[in-house]
PDB file of N, CA and C in Angstrom:
ATOM      1  N   UNK A   1       0.844  -1.184   0.000  1.00  0.00           N
ATOM      2  CA  UNK A   1       0.000   0.000   0.000  1.00  0.00           C
ATOM      3  C   UNK A   1       0.888   1.245   0.000  1.00  0.00           C
ATOM      4  N   UNK A   2       0.728   2.067  -0.978  1.00  0.00           N
ATOM      5  CA  UNK A   2       1.522   3.284  -1.086  1.00  0.00           C
ATOM      6  C   UNK A   2       0.848   4.432  -0.333  1.00  0.00           C
ATOM      7  N   UNK A   3       1.674   5.288   0.215  1.00  0.00           N
ATOM      8  CA  UNK A   3       1.183   6.474   0.916  1.00  0.00           C
ATOM      9  C   UNK A   3       1.720   7.712   0.224  1.00  0.00           C
ATOM     10  N   UNK A   4       1.007   8.817   0.387  1.00  0.00           N
ATOM     11  CA  UNK A   4       1.398  10.065  -0.237  1.00  0.00           C
ATOM     12  C   UNK A   4       1.514  11.155   0.831  1.00  0.00           C
ATOM     13  N   UNK A   5       2.742  11.575   1.119  1.00  0.00           N
ATOM     14  CA  UNK A   5       2.973  12.609   2.137  1.00  0.00           C
ATOM     15  C   UNK A   5       2.384  13.956   1.746  1.00  0.00           C
ATOM     16  N   UNK A   6       2.147  14.168   0.453  1.00  0.00           N
ATOM     17  CA  UNK A   6       1.606  15.455   0.008  1.00  0.00           C
ATOM     18  C   UNK A   6       0.100  15.572   0.208  1.00  0.00           C
ATOM     19  N   UNK A   7      -0.576  14.450   0.357  1.00  0.00           N
ATOM     20  CA  UNK A   7      -2.037  14.515   0.462  1.00  0.00           C
ATOM     21  C   UNK A   7      -2.607  13.828   1.701  1.00  0.00           C
ATOM     22  N   UNK A   8      -1.902  12.895   2.272  1.00  0.00           N
ATOM     23  CA  UNK A   8      -2.433  12.142   3.412  1.00  0.00           C
ATOM     24  C   UNK A   8      -1.899  12.693   4.736  1.00  0.00           C
ATOM     25  N   UNK A   9      -2.733  12.754   5.754  1.00  0.00           N
ATOM     26  CA  UNK A   9      -2.304  13.251   7.060  1.00  0.00           C
ATOM     27  C   UNK A   9      -1.519  12.193   7.847  1.00  0.00           C
ATOM     28  N   UNK A  10      -0.263  11.999   7.463  1.00  0.00           N
ATOM     29  CA  UNK A  10       0.560  10.932   8.036  1.00  0.00           C
ATOM     30  C   UNK A  10       1.521  11.415   9.120  1.00  0.00           C
ATOM     31  N   UNK A  11       1.681  12.726   9.260  1.00  0.00           N
ATOM     32  CA  UNK A  11       2.675  13.269  10.189  1.00  0.00           C
ATOM     33  C   UNK A  11       1.968  13.810  11.432  1.00  0.00           C
ATOM     34  N   UNK A  12       2.377  13.308  12.594  1.00  0.00           N
ATOM     35  CA  UNK A  12       1.806  13.795  13.857  1.00  0.00           C
ATOM     36  C   UNK A  12       2.649  14.943  14.380  1.00  0.00           C
ATOM     37  N   UNK A  13       1.967  15.978  14.873  1.00  0.00           N
ATOM     38  CA  UNK A  13       2.672  17.085  15.507  1.00  0.00           C
ATOM     39  C   UNK A  13       1.829  17.641  16.639  1.00  0.00           C
ATOM     40  N   UNK A  14       2.509  18.179  17.623  1.00  0.00           N
ATOM     41  CA  UNK A  14       1.864  18.718  18.826  1.00  0.00           C
ATOM     42  C   UNK A  14       1.736  20.223  18.686  1.00  0.00           C
ATOM     43  N   UNK A  15       0.545  20.742  19.013  1.00  0.00           N
ATOM     44  CA  UNK A  15       0.316  22.185  19.055  1.00  0.00           C
ATOM     45  C   UNK A  15      -0.225  22.524  20.441  1.00  0.00           C
ATOM     46  N   UNK A  16      -0.446  23.795  20.688  1.00  0.00           N
ATOM     47  CA  UNK A  16      -1.021  24.185  21.977  1.00  0.00           C
ATOM     48  C   UNK A  16      -2.454  23.667  22.113  1.00  0.00           C
ATOM     49  N   UNK A  17      -3.083  23.326  20.987  1.00  0.00           N
ATOM     50  CA  UNK A  17      -4.447  22.774  21.004  1.00  0.00           C
ATOM     51  C   UNK A  17      -4.470  21.263  21.158  1.00  0.00           C
ATOM     52  N   UNK A  18      -3.300  20.626  21.104  1.00  0.00           N
ATOM     53  CA  UNK A  18      -3.231  19.184  21.246  1.00  0.00           C
ATOM     54  C   UNK A  18      -2.543  18.527  20.069  1.00  0.00           C
ATOM     55  N   UNK A  19      -2.678  17.225  19.988  1.00  0.00           N
ATOM     56  CA  UNK A  19      -2.042  16.440  18.939  1.00  0.00           C
ATOM     57  C   UNK A  19      -2.829  16.568  17.637  1.00  0.00           C
ATOM     58  N   UNK A  20      -2.123  16.789  16.536  1.00  0.00           N
ATOM     59  CA  UNK A  20      -2.749  16.892  15.222  1.00  0.00           C
ATOM     60  C   UNK A  20      -2.014  15.991  14.254  1.00  0.00           C
ATOM     61  N   UNK A  21      -2.675  15.693  13.155  1.00  0.00           N
ATOM     62  CA  UNK A  21      -2.077  14.949  12.052  1.00  0.00           C
ATOM     63  C   UNK A  21      -2.222  15.797  10.803  1.00  0.00           C
ATOM     64  N   UNK A  22      -1.205  15.736   9.958  1.00  0.00           N
ATOM     65  CA  UNK A  22      -1.289  16.504   8.731  1.00  0.00           C
ATOM     66  C   UNK A  22      -0.394  15.943   7.658  1.00  0.00           C
ATOM     67  N   UNK A  23      -0.651  16.380   6.442  1.00  0.00           N
ATOM     68  CA  UNK A  23       0.224  16.056   5.319  1.00  0.00           C
ATOM     69  C   UNK A  23       1.468  16.931   5.431  1.00  0.00           C
ATOM     70  N   UNK A  24       2.453  16.684   4.603  1.00  0.00           N
ATOM     71  CA  UNK A  24       3.669  17.492   4.628  1.00  0.00           C
ATOM     72  C   UNK A  24       3.357  18.974   4.364  1.00  0.00           C
ATOM     73  N   UNK A  25       2.523  19.319   3.375  1.00  0.00           N
ATOM     74  CA  UNK A  25       2.185  20.732   3.188  1.00  0.00           C
ATOM     75  C   UNK A  25       1.463  21.337   4.400  1.00  0.00           C
ATOM     76  N   UNK A  26       0.630  20.556   5.060  1.00  0.00           N
ATOM     77  CA  UNK A  26      -0.062  21.054   6.253  1.00  0.00           C
ATOM     78  C   UNK A  26       0.916  21.288   7.400  1.00  0.00           C
ATOM     79  N   UNK A  27       1.950  20.459   7.474  1.00  0.00           N
ATOM     80  CA  UNK A  27       2.986  20.665   8.485  1.00  0.00           C
ATOM     81  C   UNK A  27       3.724  21.965   8.212  1.00  0.00           C
ATOM     82  N   UNK A  28       4.085  22.209   6.947  1.00  0.00           N
ATOM     83  CA  UNK A  28       4.747  23.466   6.606  1.00  0.00           C
ATOM     84  C   UNK A  28       3.858  24.665   6.942  1.00  0.00           C
ATOM     85  N   UNK A  29       2.565  24.581   6.649  1.00  0.00           N
ATOM     86  CA  UNK A  29       1.648  25.681   6.962  1.00  0.00           C
ATOM     87  C   UNK A  29       1.573  25.905   8.477  1.00  0.00           C
ATOM     88  N   UNK A  30       1.529  24.834   9.241  1.00  0.00           N
ATOM     89  CA  UNK A  30       1.503  24.951  10.700  1.00  0.00           C
ATOM     90  C   UNK A  30       2.812  25.540  11.229  1.00  0.00           C
ATOM     91  N   UNK A  31       3.933  25.155  10.629  1.00  0.00           N
ATOM     92  CA  UNK A  31       5.228  25.724  11.019  1.00  0.00           C
ATOM     93  C   UNK A  31       5.277  27.216  10.710  1.00  0.00           C
ATOM     94  N   UNK A  32       4.761  27.611   9.551  1.00  0.00           N
ATOM     95  CA  UNK A  32       4.757  29.028   9.172  1.00  0.00           C
ATOM     96  C   UNK A  32       3.876  29.846  10.115  1.00  0.00           C
ATOM     97  N   UNK A  33       2.831  29.233  10.650  1.00  0.00           N
ATOM     98  CA  UNK A  33       1.940  29.909  11.597  1.00  0.00           C
ATOM     99  C   UNK A  33       2.472  29.807  13.027  1.00  0.00           C
ATOM    100  N   UNK A  34       3.643  29.205  13.186  1.00  0.00           N
ATOM    101  CA  UNK A  34       4.275  29.019  14.498  1.00  0.00           C
ATOM    102  C   UNK A  34       3.372  28.250  15.463  1.00  0.00           C
ATOM    103  N   UNK A  35       2.702  27.223  14.937  1.00  0.00           N
ATOM    104  CA  UNK A  35       1.793  26.420  15.742  1.00  0.00           C
ATOM    105  C   UNK A  35       2.421  25.121  16.230  1.00  0.00           C
ATOM    106  N   UNK A  36       3.502  24.685  15.618  1.00  0.00           N
ATOM    107  CA  UNK A  36       4.093  23.385  15.958  1.00  0.00           C
ATOM    108  C   UNK A  36       4.989  23.524  17.181  1.00  0.00           C
ATOM    109  N   UNK A  37       4.694  22.717  18.181  1.00  0.00           N
ATOM    110  CA  UNK A  37       5.522  22.689  19.383  1.00  0.00           C
ATOM    111  C   UNK A  37       6.502  21.526  19.362  1.00  0.00           C
ATOM    112  N   UNK A  38       6.077  20.408  18.791  1.00  0.00           N
ATOM    113  CA  UNK A  38       6.973  19.254  18.716  1.00  0.00           C
ATOM    114  C   UNK A  38       6.412  18.223  17.748  1.00  0.00           C
ATOM    115  N   UNK A  39       7.252  17.256  17.450  1.00  0.00           N
ATOM    116  CA  UNK A  39       6.874  16.090  16.660  1.00  0.00           C
ATOM    117  C   UNK A  39       7.065  14.887  17.593  1.00  0.00           C
ATOM    118  N   UNK A  40       5.999  14.465  18.281  1.00  0.00           N
ATOM    119  CA  UNK A  40       6.138  13.472  19.351  1.00  0.00           C
ATOM    120  C   UNK A  40       6.603  12.091  18.905  1.00  0.00           C
ATOM    121  N   UNK A  41       6.465  11.757  17.634  1.00  0.00           N
ATOM    122  CA  UNK A  41       6.894  10.430  17.183  1.00  0.00           C
ATOM    123  C   UNK A  41       8.406  10.335  16.991  1.00  0.00           C
ATOM    124  N   UNK A  42       9.079  11.480  16.974  1.00  0.00           N
ATOM    125  CA  UNK A  42      10.530  11.472  16.756  1.00  0.00           C
ATOM    126  C   UNK A  42      11.277  11.099  18.026  1.00  0.00           C
ATOM    127  N   UNK A  43      12.328  10.342  17.848  1.00  0.00           N
ATOM    128  CA  UNK A  43      13.262  10.092  18.947  1.00  0.00           C
ATOM    129  C   UNK A  43      14.305  11.204  18.916  1.00  0.00           C
ATOM    130  N   UNK A  44      14.991  11.376  20.016  1.00  0.00           N
ATOM    131  CA  UNK A  44      15.942  12.489  20.146  1.00  0.00           C
ATOM    132  C   UNK A  44      16.977  12.504  19.021  1.00  0.00           C
ATOM    133  N   UNK A  45      17.478  11.339  18.627  1.00  0.00           N
ATOM    134  CA  UNK A  45      18.514  11.303  17.587  1.00  0.00           C
ATOM    135  C   UNK A  45      17.949  11.593  16.199  1.00  0.00           C
ATOM    136  N   UNK A  46      16.628  11.571  16.036  1.00  0.00           N
ATOM    137  CA  UNK A  46      16.015  11.840  14.747  1.00  0.00           C
ATOM    138  C   UNK A  46      15.698  13.320  14.531  1.00  0.00           C
ATOM    139  N   UNK A  47      15.631  14.095  15.600  1.00  0.00           N
ATOM    140  CA  UNK A  47      15.219  15.497  15.507  1.00  0.00           C
ATOM    141  C   UNK A  47      16.105  16.342  14.593  1.00  0.00           C
ATOM    142  N   UNK A  48      17.455  16.262  14.696  1.00  0.00           N
ATOM    143  CA  UNK A  48      18.271  17.078  13.788  1.00  0.00           C
ATOM    144  C   UNK A  48      18.047  16.742  12.312  1.00  0.00           C
ATOM    145  N   UNK A  49      17.936  15.466  11.990  1.00  0.00           N
ATOM    146  CA  UNK A  49      17.729  15.067  10.594  1.00  0.00           C
ATOM    147  C   UNK A  49      16.363  15.544  10.086  1.00  0.00           C
ATOM    148  N   UNK A  50      15.330  15.455  10.911  1.00  0.00           N
ATOM    149  CA  UNK A  50      13.998  15.912  10.522  1.00  0.00           C
ATOM    150  C   UNK A  50      14.010  17.427  10.290  1.00  0.00           C
ATOM    151  N   UNK A  51      14.657  18.155  11.179  1.00  0.00           N
ATOM    152  CA  UNK A  51      14.776  19.609  11.022  1.00  0.00           C
ATOM    153  C   UNK A  51      15.512  19.950   9.728  1.00  0.00           C
ATOM    154  N   UNK A  52      16.624  19.264   9.466  1.00  0.00           N
ATOM    155  CA  UNK A  52      17.385  19.531   8.243  1.00  0.00           C
ATOM    156  C   UNK A  52      16.564  19.198   6.995  1.00  0.00           C
ATOM    157  N   UNK A  53      15.824  18.095   7.033  1.00  0.00           N
ATOM    158  CA  UNK A  53      14.984  17.724   5.901  1.00  0.00           C
ATOM    159  C   UNK A  53      13.950  18.808   5.626  1.00  0.00           C
ATOM    160  N   UNK A  54      13.226  19.244   6.665  1.00  0.00           N
ATOM    161  CA  UNK A  54      12.201  20.266   6.481  1.00  0.00           C
ATOM    162  C   UNK A  54      12.797  21.582   5.988  1.00  0.00           C
ATOM    163  N   UNK A  55      13.914  21.994   6.574  1.00  0.00           N
ATOM    164  CA  UNK A  55      14.540  23.257   6.175  1.00  0.00           C
ATOM    165  C   UNK A  55      15.041  23.194   4.736  1.00  0.00           C
ATOM    166  N   UNK A  56      15.715  22.111   4.386  1.00  0.00           N
ATOM    167  CA  UNK A  56      16.278  22.005   3.037  1.00  0.00           C
ATOM    168  C   UNK A  56      15.195  21.857   1.969  1.00  0.00           C
ATOM    169  N   UNK A  57      14.203  21.019   2.216  1.00  0.00           N
ATOM    170  CA  UNK A  57      13.136  20.851   1.233  1.00  0.00           C
ATOM    171  C   UNK A  57      12.381  22.166   1.054  1.00  0.00           C
ATOM    172  N   UNK A  58      12.086  22.843   2.154  1.00  0.00           N
ATOM    173  CA  UNK A  58      11.387  24.127   2.064  1.00  0.00           C
ATOM    174  C   UNK A  58      12.194  25.169   1.316  1.00  0.00           C
ATOM    175  N   UNK A  59      13.484  25.246   1.612  1.00  0.00           N
ATOM    176  CA  UNK A  59      14.346  26.227   0.946  1.00  0.00           C
ATOM    177  C   UNK A  59      14.489  25.915  -0.547  1.00  0.00           C
ATOM    178  N   UNK A  60      14.678  24.654  -0.882  1.00  0.00           N
ATOM    179  CA  UNK A  60      14.810  24.267  -2.282  1.00  0.00           C
ATOM    180  C   UNK A  60      13.514  24.555  -3.044  1.00  0.00           C
ATOM    181  N   UNK A  61      12.374  24.224  -2.452  1.00  0.00           N
ATOM    182  CA  UNK A  61      11.090  24.459  -3.115  1.00  0.00           C
ATOM    183  C   UNK A  61      10.864  25.956  -3.343  1.00  0.00           C
ATOM    184  N   UNK A  62      11.161  26.772  -2.342  1.00  0.00           N
ATOM    185  CA  UNK A  62      10.987  28.229  -2.486  1.00  0.00           C
ATOM    186  C   UNK A  62      11.958  28.790  -3.522  1.00  0.00           C
ATOM    187  N   UNK A  63      13.199  28.336  -3.486  1.00  0.00           N
ATOM    188  CA  UNK A  63      14.206  28.809  -4.446  1.00  0.00           C
ATOM    189  C   UNK A  63      13.806  28.433  -5.870  1.00  0.00           C
ATOM    190  N   UNK A  64      13.401  27.193  -6.057  1.00  0.00           N
ATOM    191  CA  UNK A  64      13.008  26.711  -7.391  1.00  0.00           C
ATOM    192  C   UNK A  64      11.815  27.485  -7.912  1.00  0.00           C
ATOM    193  N   UNK A  65      10.921  27.892  -6.981  1.00  0.00           N
ATOM    194  CA  UNK A  65       9.722  28.634  -7.367  1.00  0.00           C
ATOM    195  C   UNK A  65      10.027  30.113  -7.612  1.00  0.00           C
ATOM    196  N   UNK A  66      11.208  30.559  -7.144  1.00  0.00           N
ATOM    197  CA  UNK A  66      11.599  31.953  -7.329  1.00  0.00           C
ATOM    198  C   UNK A  66      10.913  32.905  -6.364  1.00  0.00           C
ATOM    199  N   UNK A  67      10.553  32.398  -5.181  1.00  0.00           N
ATOM    200  CA  UNK A  67       9.905  33.245  -4.186  1.00  0.00           C
ATOM    201  C   UNK A  67      10.854  33.483  -3.017  1.00  0.00           C
ATOM    202  N   UNK A  68      10.783  34.666  -2.437  1.00  0.00           N
ATOM    203  CA  UNK A  68      11.682  34.994  -1.330  1.00  0.00           C
ATOM    204  C   UNK A  68      11.041  34.757   0.030  1.00  0.00           C
ATOM    205  N   UNK A  69       9.735  34.660   0.070  1.00  0.00           N
ATOM    206  CA  UNK A  69       9.018  34.388   1.321  1.00  0.00           C
ATOM    207  C   UNK A  69       8.300  33.047   1.198  1.00  0.00           C
ATOM    208  N   UNK A  70       8.444  32.186   2.187  1.00  0.00           N
ATOM    209  CA  UNK A  70       7.733  30.906   2.133  1.00  0.00           C
ATOM    210  C   UNK A  70       6.218  31.118   2.188  1.00  0.00           C
ATOM    211  N   UNK A  71       5.454  30.274   1.523  1.00  0.00           N
ATOM    212  CA  UNK A  71       3.994  30.404   1.561  1.00  0.00           C
ATOM    213  C   UNK A  71       3.453  30.125   2.957  1.00  0.00           C
ATOM    214  N   UNK A  72       2.276  30.644   3.224  1.00  0.00           N
ATOM    215  CA  UNK A  72       1.655  30.449   4.530  1.00  0.00           C
ATOM    216  C   UNK A  72       0.620  29.330   4.523  1.00  0.00           C
ATOM    217  N   UNK A  73       0.110  28.966   3.343  1.00  0.00           N
ATOM    218  CA  UNK A  73      -0.973  27.981   3.319  1.00  0.00           C
ATOM    219  C   UNK A  73      -0.518  26.646   2.719  1.00  0.00           C
ATOM    220  N   UNK A  74      -1.212  25.605   3.127  1.00  0.00           N
ATOM    221  CA  UNK A  74      -0.850  24.245   2.721  1.00  0.00           C
ATOM    222  C   UNK A  74      -0.986  24.031   1.217  1.00  0.00           C
ATOM    223  N   UNK A  75      -1.978  24.644   0.597  1.00  0.00           N
ATOM    224  CA  UNK A  75      -2.173  24.477  -0.838  1.00  0.00           C
ATOM    225  C   UNK A  75      -0.986  24.967  -1.646  1.00  0.00           C
ATOM    226  N   UNK A  76      -0.462  26.117  -1.268  1.00  0.00           N
ATOM    227  CA  UNK A  76       0.716  26.658  -1.965  1.00  0.00           C
ATOM    228  C   UNK A  76       1.936  25.772  -1.725  1.00  0.00           C
ATOM    229  N   UNK A  77       2.095  25.271  -0.508  1.00  0.00           N
ATOM    230  CA  UNK A  77       3.217  24.364  -0.217  1.00  0.00           C
ATOM    231  C   UNK A  77       3.113  23.106  -1.071  1.00  0.00           C
ATOM    232  N   UNK A  78       1.913  22.572  -1.181  1.00  0.00           N
ATOM    233  CA  UNK A  78       1.742  21.359  -1.976  1.00  0.00           C
ATOM    234  C   UNK A  78       2.154  21.609  -3.425  1.00  0.00           C
ATOM    235  N   UNK A  79       1.753  22.742  -3.980  1.00  0.00           N
ATOM    236  CA  UNK A  79       2.090  23.056  -5.365  1.00  0.00           C
ATOM    237  C   UNK A  79       3.599  23.193  -5.567  1.00  0.00           C
ATOM    238  N   UNK A  80       4.277  23.942  -4.688  1.00  0.00           N
ATOM    239  CA  UNK A  80       5.707  24.160  -4.916  1.00  0.00           C
ATOM    240  C   UNK A  80       6.539  22.914  -4.643  1.00  0.00           C
ATOM    241  N   UNK A  81       6.105  22.079  -3.715  1.00  0.00           N
ATOM    242  CA  UNK A  81       6.824  20.813  -3.484  1.00  0.00           C
ATOM    243  C   UNK A  81       6.595  19.870  -4.660  1.00  0.00           C
ATOM    244  N   UNK A  82       5.373  19.808  -5.149  1.00  0.00           N
ATOM    245  CA  UNK A  82       5.057  18.959  -6.314  1.00  0.00           C
ATOM    246  C   UNK A  82       5.874  19.370  -7.528  1.00  0.00           C
ATOM    247  N   UNK A  83       6.058  20.651  -7.718  1.00  0.00           N
ATOM    248  CA  UNK A  83       6.793  21.132  -8.893  1.00  0.00           C
ATOM    249  C   UNK A  83       8.266  20.717  -8.876  1.00  0.00           C
ATOM    250  N   UNK A  84       8.787  20.326  -7.727  1.00  0.00           N
ATOM    251  CA  UNK A  84      10.178  19.863  -7.663  1.00  0.00           C
ATOM    252  C   UNK A  84      10.374  18.572  -8.452  1.00  0.00           C
ATOM    253  N   UNK A  85       9.319  17.811  -8.614  1.00  0.00           N
ATOM    254  CA  UNK A  85       9.446  16.512  -9.288  1.00  0.00           C
ATOM    255  C   UNK A  85       9.027  16.538 -10.737  1.00  0.00           C
ATOM    256  N   UNK A  86       8.561  17.704 -11.197  1.00  0.00           N
ATOM    257  CA  UNK A  86       8.093  17.795 -12.584  1.00  0.00           C
ATOM    258  C   UNK A  86       8.983  18.735 -13.375  1.00  0.00           C
ATOM    259  N   UNK A  87       9.579  18.240 -14.402  1.00  0.00           N
ATOM    260  CA  UNK A  87      10.408  19.061 -15.299  1.00  0.00           C
ATOM    261  C   UNK A  87      10.053  18.758 -16.712  1.00  0.00           C
TER     262      UNK A  87
END
């Protein structure tokens, strides 16, 4: 069974409102809104790699799109991440 990080709410994250699940674009939107407090499924040794993955993918997607400010909404994140795989 294949999963799609761009459309399925597979990533758990903690906010001040409690535990939430979201797709990768929804996680980026929550990060941009400064709502994410933690990723409870991560072990301590996984946190640096997860941070680097999110930072690098976000920076590459924004750079490739030619935008200087990261998008605030999940729909825009989904579009710019998707465009990384289409040439």
